[in-house]
Amino acid sequence: MDDSQRARLHAAQQQFTPETTYLNTATHGLTPLRATRALEQHVREVASGRFSATSADPAIEAVRAGYGRITGVPVDRVVIGTHVAQFAGTIAATLPAGAEVLAPTREFASVVFPFMAREDVTVREVPLERLPEEVGPDTALVAVSAVQSADGAIAPLEDLVTACRDHGARLMVDTTQAAGWLPVPAERIDYTVCSTYKWMLGPRGAALLTGTAEALAELAPLAPNWFAGEEPWNSLYGGPLRLAPGARRLDLAPVWAAWIGLAPALELIEEVGVATIRDHNAGLGDRLRAALDMEPTGSAIVSLPAPEGTAERVAEAGVVAAVRDGRLRASFHLYNDESDVDRLVKALG
């Protein structure tokens, strides 16, 4: 990391005021000061009767554009919503009866439940590392998280892009645990879905869908609504159906506060740069792994054995982590440094 990257990282860290050793971004990211101020202003406007619904539109479009820049996807292929499962459900609805969906074992439920809910679709689960080689002529779609929620394992996305292309399968990647710290080749992935309240540092209630032009054209909106109208504020009442052309027909009505808080948070991610954040976050993750005699993985999420009493001992030391799948999960982001790693290691004994 050069001096310029360190300066940007240091400036960004001044945006956070954690009162604990917070190692739990994989559950929810901390809110930057600039986002807190935007949210406070929004709440005051709502409380005082000065909020105008149309005033949230610039924040939504700023996020759409910023997310497009960060992911390398054209802005006209960025769709807004509130939760990953909504988009996964929309994609699931396009599959023909009898289709096979391939997914990793122990994948996050919101990624696979929408496909499992279809009784006429088969979901076949295999170990993450074997996913590319298991793609075959019967595979209609692969559904996978770029970074696994439970243990931080990074999916072999390049191999999956190639395998899906070779077999004519679609690829859906959930980037919720990756976007904001891990570069993902989103422009070459059929569909990406992302909730932005973790590494993107926004409030809960905003999600994004991107895709290739061909793949997005196959989707039909499951919940057509006024915000997906060609002119949203002229699409509030009655027929005829007048959805926007292109991907925006898939938009879901926004939770205004979520986008008002997300816009400044996304600006912060852009200012630092995803590559710089990756070096920082993954460096801390591998520092923890090295201290515990574990092999480096380059992930911002580290999963550790959690014998009885471990979680309680860590919490008593003022360290906020999570227990997932029976193990202690620590996750690192902008606001963490080496002292946080050392504090966790000491608490683990």
Protein backbone atom coordinates (compact mmCIF):
# COMPACT_ATOMS: atom_id res chain seq x y z
CA MET A 1 0.00 0.00 0.00
CA ASP A 2 1.53 3.32 -1.06
CA ASP A 3 1.43 6.65 0.79
CA SER A 4 -1.58 7.89 -1.17
CA GLN A 5 -3.59 4.78 -0.31
CA ARG A 6 -2.62 5.04 3.35
CA ALA A 7 -3.70 8.69 3.41
CA ARG A 8 -7.11 7.87 1.92
CA LEU A 9 -7.55 5.00 4.34
CA HIS A 10 -6.61 7.18 7.32
CA ALA A 11 -9.00 9.93 6.23
CA ALA A 12 -11.83 7.41 5.90
CA GLN A 13 -11.18 5.99 9.36
CA GLN A 14 -11.93 9.41 10.86
CA GLN A 15 -15.55 8.86 9.75
CA PHE A 16 -16.13 6.19 12.42
CA THR A 17 -16.49 6.31 16.19
CA PRO A 18 -16.78 2.71 17.43
CA GLU A 19 -17.20 2.31 21.18
CA THR A 20 -16.15 -1.34 21.06
CA THR A 21 -13.67 -3.48 19.18
CA TYR A 22 -16.11 -4.06 16.35
CA LEU A 23 -15.31 -7.16 14.31
CA ASN A 24 -18.79 -7.84 12.99
CA THR A 25 -19.19 -6.12 9.61
CA ALA A 26 -20.39 -9.43 8.17
CA THR A 27 -23.54 -8.83 10.23
CA HIS A 28 -23.83 -5.04 9.79
CA GLY A 29 -21.34 -2.34 8.90
CA LEU A 30 -20.79 0.76 11.02
CA THR A 31 -22.40 3.97 9.81
CA PRO A 32 -19.94 6.64 8.62
CA LEU A 33 -20.31 10.11 10.11
CA ARG A 34 -21.38 11.63 6.80
CA ALA A 35 -24.16 9.04 6.45
CA THR A 36 -25.23 9.59 10.05
CA ARG A 37 -25.61 13.31 9.36
CA ALA A 38 -27.68 12.64 6.24
CA LEU A 39 -29.95 10.28 8.17
CA GLU A 40 -30.34 12.71 11.07
CA GLN A 41 -31.36 15.45 8.66
CA HIS A 42 -33.85 13.08 7.01
CA VAL A 43 -35.41 12.15 10.35
CA ARG A 44 -35.70 15.82 11.34
CA GLU A 45 -37.38 16.60 8.03
CA VAL A 46 -39.85 13.76 8.45
CA ALA A 47 -40.56 14.72 12.07
CA SER A 48 -41.11 18.38 11.20
CA GLY A 49 -43.21 17.79 8.10
CA ARG A 50 -40.55 19.19 5.77
CA PHE A 51 -39.72 15.92 3.98
CA SER A 52 -40.58 15.74 0.29
CA ALA A 53 -40.61 12.24 -1.19
CA THR A 54 -39.11 13.45 -4.46
CA SER A 55 -36.09 14.79 -2.57
CA ALA A 56 -34.86 11.20 -2.11
CA ASP A 57 -34.63 10.62 -5.88
CA PRO A 58 -31.15 12.21 -6.27
CA ALA A 59 -29.72 9.93 -3.56
CA ILE A 60 -31.17 6.86 -5.30
CA GLU A 61 -29.71 7.84 -8.64
CA ALA A 62 -26.37 8.74 -7.02
CA VAL A 63 -26.21 5.23 -5.58
CA ARG A 64 -27.18 3.67 -8.89
CA ALA A 65 -24.37 5.55 -10.64
CA GLY A 66 -21.79 5.03 -7.88
CA TYR A 67 -22.53 1.32 -7.63
CA GLY A 68 -22.16 1.07 -11.39
CA ARG A 69 -18.73 2.71 -11.21
CA ILE A 70 -17.59 0.50 -8.34
CA THR A 71 -18.74 -2.71 -10.02
CA GLY A 72 -17.88 -1.76 -13.59
CA VAL A 73 -21.48 -2.26 -14.74
CA PRO A 74 -23.23 0.40 -16.88
CA VAL A 75 -25.70 2.41 -14.83
CA ASP A 76 -28.61 1.35 -17.05
CA ARG A 77 -28.06 -2.23 -15.86
CA VAL A 78 -28.31 -1.41 -12.13
CA VAL A 79 -31.66 -2.23 -10.49
CA ILE A 80 -32.75 -1.11 -7.02
CA GLY A 81 -34.66 -3.04 -4.39
CA THR A 82 -34.66 -3.77 -0.67
CA HIS A 83 -33.48 -7.37 -0.15
CA VAL A 84 -31.45 -10.00 -1.98
CA ALA A 85 -34.21 -12.60 -1.75
CA GLN A 86 -36.53 -10.40 -3.85
CA PHE A 87 -34.07 -10.43 -6.72
CA ALA A 88 -33.20 -14.10 -6.29
CA GLY A 89 -36.93 -14.85 -6.41
CA THR A 90 -37.29 -12.87 -9.62
CA ILE A 91 -34.46 -14.88 -11.17
CA ALA A 92 -35.89 -18.16 -9.85
CA ALA A 93 -39.21 -17.42 -11.54
CA THR A 94 -37.53 -17.42 -14.97
CA LEU A 95 -36.30 -21.01 -14.72
CA PRO A 96 -38.18 -23.67 -16.66
CA ALA A 97 -39.78 -26.59 -14.87
CA GLY A 98 -37.29 -29.39 -14.28
CA ALA A 99 -34.29 -27.04 -14.18
CA GLU A 100 -31.24 -27.86 -12.07
CA VAL A 101 -29.71 -25.17 -9.87
CA LEU A 102 -26.23 -25.78 -8.53
CA ALA A 103 -25.24 -24.22 -5.19
CA PRO A 104 -22.58 -24.68 -2.51
CA THR A 105 -23.39 -26.64 0.62
CA ARG A 106 -24.28 -24.37 3.57
CA GLU A 107 -24.99 -21.42 1.28
CA PHE A 108 -26.82 -18.43 2.81
CA ALA A 109 -30.55 -19.11 2.86
CA SER A 110 -31.63 -16.00 0.91
CA VAL A 111 -29.52 -17.19 -2.01
CA VAL A 112 -30.97 -20.71 -2.23
CA PHE A 113 -34.44 -20.61 -0.60
CA PRO A 114 -36.06 -18.80 -3.58
CA PHE A 115 -34.98 -21.70 -5.81
CA MET A 116 -35.81 -24.38 -3.26
CA ALA A 117 -39.29 -22.93 -2.91
CA ARG A 118 -40.01 -24.01 -6.48
CA GLU A 119 -41.14 -27.61 -6.27
CA ASP A 120 -40.43 -28.15 -9.97
CA VAL A 121 -36.77 -27.08 -9.70
CA THR A 122 -33.95 -29.23 -8.32
CA VAL A 123 -31.28 -27.57 -6.18
CA ARG A 124 -28.11 -29.65 -6.05
CA GLU A 125 -25.61 -28.71 -3.33
CA VAL A 126 -21.90 -29.50 -3.61
CA PRO A 127 -18.76 -28.26 -1.79
CA LEU A 128 -17.80 -24.72 -2.80
CA GLU A 129 -14.40 -25.68 -4.20
CA ARG A 130 -15.99 -28.28 -6.49
CA LEU A 131 -18.64 -25.95 -7.88
CA PRO A 132 -16.97 -25.19 -11.26
CA GLU A 133 -16.31 -28.84 -12.08
CA GLU A 134 -19.89 -29.80 -11.16
CA VAL A 135 -21.43 -27.45 -13.73
CA GLY A 136 -22.78 -29.65 -16.53
CA PRO A 137 -25.18 -29.76 -19.46
CA ASP A 138 -28.16 -30.15 -17.12
CA THR A 139 -27.26 -27.08 -15.04
CA ALA A 140 -29.56 -24.14 -15.71
CA LEU A 141 -28.08 -21.80 -13.11
CA VAL A 142 -25.38 -21.63 -10.47
CA ALA A 143 -26.28 -19.64 -7.32
CA VAL A 144 -23.39 -18.72 -5.04
CA SER A 145 -22.11 -16.00 -2.72
CA ALA A 146 -18.84 -14.39 -3.78
CA VAL A 147 -17.77 -14.68 -0.13
CA GLN A 148 -19.43 -17.23 2.10
CA SER A 149 -21.26 -15.71 5.05
CA ALA A 150 -20.44 -18.47 7.52
CA ASP A 151 -16.68 -18.79 7.07
CA GLY A 152 -15.44 -16.16 4.59
CA ALA A 153 -14.45 -18.65 1.89
CA ILE A 154 -14.02 -16.89 -1.47
CA ALA A 155 -15.80 -18.47 -4.42
CA PRO A 156 -13.78 -19.38 -7.57
CA LEU A 157 -15.67 -16.83 -9.65
CA GLU A 158 -13.39 -16.81 -12.71
CA ASP A 159 -13.65 -20.58 -13.00
CA LEU A 160 -17.42 -20.36 -12.54
CA VAL A 161 -17.79 -17.71 -15.25
CA THR A 162 -15.90 -20.00 -17.63
CA ALA A 163 -17.76 -23.17 -16.62
CA CYS A 164 -21.17 -21.54 -16.95
CA ARG A 165 -20.28 -20.08 -20.33
CA ASP A 166 -19.04 -23.45 -21.58
CA HIS A 167 -22.24 -25.23 -20.52
CA GLY A 168 -24.79 -22.53 -21.31
CA ALA A 169 -25.74 -22.01 -17.67
CA ARG A 170 -26.58 -18.73 -15.98
CA LEU A 171 -24.53 -17.54 -12.98
CA MET A 172 -26.05 -15.62 -10.06
CA VAL A 173 -23.58 -14.25 -7.50
CA ASP A 174 -24.58 -12.72 -4.18
CA THR A 175 -21.97 -10.05 -3.44
CA THR A 176 -23.38 -8.95 -0.09
CA GLN A 177 -20.27 -10.15 1.78
CA ALA A 178 -17.90 -8.93 -0.95
CA ALA A 179 -19.04 -5.63 -2.47
CA GLY A 180 -17.05 -2.83 -0.90
CA TRP A 181 -13.89 -4.81 -0.22
CA LEU A 182 -13.42 -7.55 -2.82
CA PRO A 183 -13.27 -6.78 -6.55
CA VAL A 184 -15.79 -8.95 -8.44
CA PRO A 185 -16.03 -9.26 -12.26
CA ALA A 186 -19.67 -8.16 -12.18
CA GLU A 187 -19.69 -7.00 -15.80
CA ARG A 188 -19.15 -10.64 -16.90
CA ILE A 189 -21.60 -12.25 -14.48
CA ASP A 190 -25.18 -12.91 -15.60
CA TYR A 191 -26.66 -11.64 -12.33
CA THR A 192 -25.24 -10.13 -9.16
CA VAL A 193 -27.40 -9.38 -6.14
CA CYS A 194 -26.25 -7.35 -3.15
CA SER A 195 -27.57 -6.06 0.15
CA THR A 196 -25.59 -2.95 1.03
CA TYR A 197 -25.79 -2.72 4.84
CA LYS A 198 -22.60 -4.66 5.45
CA TRP A 199 -19.36 -3.72 3.64
CA MET A 200 -21.08 -0.90 1.71
CA LEU A 201 -21.86 0.69 5.12
CA GLY A 202 -25.44 1.70 4.34
CA PRO A 203 -28.59 1.27 6.43
CA ARG A 204 -30.53 -1.95 6.04
CA GLY A 205 -33.26 -1.70 3.42
CA ALA A 206 -31.37 -1.21 0.16
CA ALA A 207 -30.30 -3.88 -2.32
CA LEU A 208 -29.04 -3.88 -5.89
CA LEU A 209 -29.24 -6.18 -8.89
CA THR A 210 -26.93 -6.03 -11.89
CA GLY A 211 -26.57 -8.27 -14.90
CA THR A 212 -25.58 -8.64 -18.49
CA ALA A 213 -27.99 -7.06 -20.94
CA GLU A 214 -29.00 -10.47 -22.29
CA ALA A 215 -29.65 -12.00 -18.87
CA LEU A 216 -31.59 -9.01 -17.53
CA ALA A 217 -33.80 -9.06 -20.63
CA GLU A 218 -35.01 -12.52 -19.59
CA LEU A 219 -36.41 -11.29 -16.26
CA ALA A 220 -40.00 -10.25 -15.71
CA PRO A 221 -40.86 -8.07 -12.69
CA LEU A 222 -42.57 -10.10 -9.95
CA ALA A 223 -43.81 -6.98 -8.17
CA PRO A 224 -44.44 -4.25 -10.76
CA ASN A 225 -44.87 -0.97 -8.93
CA TRP A 226 -45.04 2.77 -9.42
CA PHE A 227 -41.29 3.27 -9.01
CA ALA A 228 -40.67 0.94 -11.95
CA GLY A 229 -42.87 3.12 -14.13
CA GLU A 230 -41.47 4.92 -17.13
CA GLU A 231 -42.17 8.17 -15.25
CA PRO A 232 -42.45 7.07 -11.59
CA TRP A 233 -44.25 10.14 -10.29
CA ASN A 234 -46.72 9.92 -13.17
CA SER A 235 -47.29 6.19 -12.62
CA LEU A 236 -49.05 6.35 -9.25
CA TYR A 237 -52.59 5.51 -10.31
CA GLY A 238 -54.46 3.31 -12.73
CA GLY A 239 -53.65 1.74 -16.08
CA PRO A 240 -52.44 1.11 -18.57
CA LEU A 241 -49.30 -0.70 -17.46
CA ARG A 242 -46.45 1.66 -18.27
CA LEU A 243 -43.19 0.23 -16.97
CA ALA A 244 -39.83 1.78 -17.76
CA PRO A 245 -37.88 0.31 -20.66
CA GLY A 246 -34.75 -1.67 -19.91
CA ALA A 247 -33.63 -2.92 -16.52
CA ARG A 248 -35.38 -0.18 -14.56
CA ARG A 249 -38.69 -2.01 -15.10
CA LEU A 250 -37.38 -4.36 -12.37
CA ASP A 251 -36.93 -1.57 -9.78
CA LEU A 252 -38.71 -2.00 -6.47
CA ALA A 253 -40.08 0.94 -4.50
CA PRO A 254 -37.33 2.36 -2.26
CA VAL A 255 -37.08 2.62 1.51
CA TRP A 256 -36.14 6.28 1.35
CA ALA A 257 -34.02 6.44 4.51
CA ALA A 258 -31.90 3.52 3.34
CA TRP A 259 -30.89 5.28 0.12
CA ILE A 260 -30.38 8.65 1.79
CA GLY A 261 -27.89 6.99 4.16
CA LEU A 262 -26.31 4.77 1.52
CA ALA A 263 -25.40 7.55 -0.94
CA PRO A 264 -22.74 9.21 1.28
CA ALA A 265 -21.48 5.83 2.50
CA LEU A 266 -20.91 4.71 -1.07
CA GLU A 267 -19.02 7.93 -1.78
CA LEU A 268 -16.63 6.97 1.03
CA ILE A 269 -16.03 3.52 -0.48
CA GLU A 270 -15.24 5.15 -3.82
CA GLU A 271 -12.86 7.67 -2.27
CA VAL A 272 -10.76 4.96 -0.64
CA GLY A 273 -11.04 2.44 -3.47
CA VAL A 274 -12.05 -1.21 -3.30
CA ALA A 275 -8.52 -2.45 -4.01
CA THR A 276 -7.13 -0.44 -1.09
CA ILE A 277 -9.90 -1.65 1.20
CA ARG A 278 -9.23 -5.24 0.13
CA ASP A 279 -5.55 -4.96 1.03
CA HIS A 280 -6.45 -3.49 4.41
CA ASN A 281 -9.27 -5.88 5.30
CA ALA A 282 -7.67 -9.06 3.99
CA GLY A 283 -4.39 -8.06 5.65
CA LEU A 284 -6.10 -7.92 9.03
CA GLY A 285 -7.87 -11.22 8.40
CA ASP A 286 -4.60 -12.92 7.51
CA ARG A 287 -2.89 -11.30 10.53
CA LEU A 288 -5.44 -13.01 12.75
CA ARG A 289 -5.01 -16.31 10.95
CA ALA A 290 -1.22 -16.11 11.27
CA ALA A 291 -1.48 -15.41 15.00
CA LEU A 292 -3.55 -18.58 15.35
CA ASP A 293 -1.29 -20.72 13.12
CA MET A 294 -3.83 -20.81 10.28
CA GLU A 295 -3.07 -20.54 6.57
CA PRO A 296 -3.79 -17.16 4.92
CA THR A 297 -6.86 -16.97 2.68
CA GLY A 298 -7.04 -13.31 1.66
CA SER A 299 -10.52 -12.96 3.16
CA ALA A 300 -11.89 -10.22 5.41
CA ILE A 301 -13.92 -12.86 7.27
CA VAL A 302 -12.26 -15.39 9.57
CA SER A 303 -14.07 -18.38 11.07
CA LEU A 304 -12.63 -19.85 14.26
CA PRO A 305 -13.42 -22.82 16.50
CA ALA A 306 -15.65 -21.76 19.37
CA PRO A 307 -15.40 -24.15 22.31
CA GLU A 308 -17.86 -23.56 25.12
CA GLY A 309 -17.33 -20.16 26.72
CA THR A 310 -15.39 -18.64 23.80
CA ALA A 311 -18.10 -16.24 22.65
CA GLU A 312 -18.73 -15.07 26.21
CA ARG A 313 -15.02 -14.53 26.87
CA VAL A 314 -14.63 -12.50 23.68
CA ALA A 315 -17.68 -10.38 24.52
CA GLU A 316 -16.41 -9.73 28.05
CA ALA A 317 -13.18 -8.38 26.51
CA GLY A 318 -15.22 -5.77 24.64
CA VAL A 319 -14.86 -7.46 21.26
CA VAL A 320 -17.98 -7.68 19.09
CA ALA A 321 -17.98 -10.73 16.83
CA ALA A 322 -20.63 -13.27 15.83
CA VAL A 323 -21.26 -16.98 16.15
CA ARG A 324 -22.25 -18.55 12.85
CA ASP A 325 -22.61 -22.23 12.05
CA GLY A 326 -21.22 -23.13 15.50
CA ARG A 327 -18.00 -21.11 15.06
CA LEU A 328 -16.79 -17.65 16.03
CA ARG A 329 -16.82 -15.28 13.06
CA ALA A 330 -14.64 -12.16 13.01
CA SER A 331 -14.84 -9.71 10.11
CA PHE A 332 -12.70 -6.67 9.36
CA HIS A 333 -13.34 -3.38 7.59
CA LEU A 334 -12.14 0.21 7.26
CA TYR A 335 -12.51 1.08 10.94
CA ASN A 336 -10.33 -1.79 12.19
CA ASP A 337 -6.57 -1.92 12.68
CA GLU A 338 -3.88 -4.27 13.97
CA SER A 339 -4.70 -3.52 17.62
CA ASP A 340 -8.17 -4.96 17.09
CA VAL A 341 -6.68 -8.21 15.86
CA ASP A 342 -4.33 -8.36 18.84
CA ARG A 343 -7.18 -7.70 21.25
CA LEU A 344 -9.17 -10.61 19.84
CA VAL A 345 -6.15 -12.91 19.98
CA LYS A 346 -5.62 -11.99 23.64
CA ALA A 347 -9.30 -12.60 24.43
CA LEU A 348 -9.10 -16.02 22.81
CA GLY A 349 -6.28 -16.86 25.19
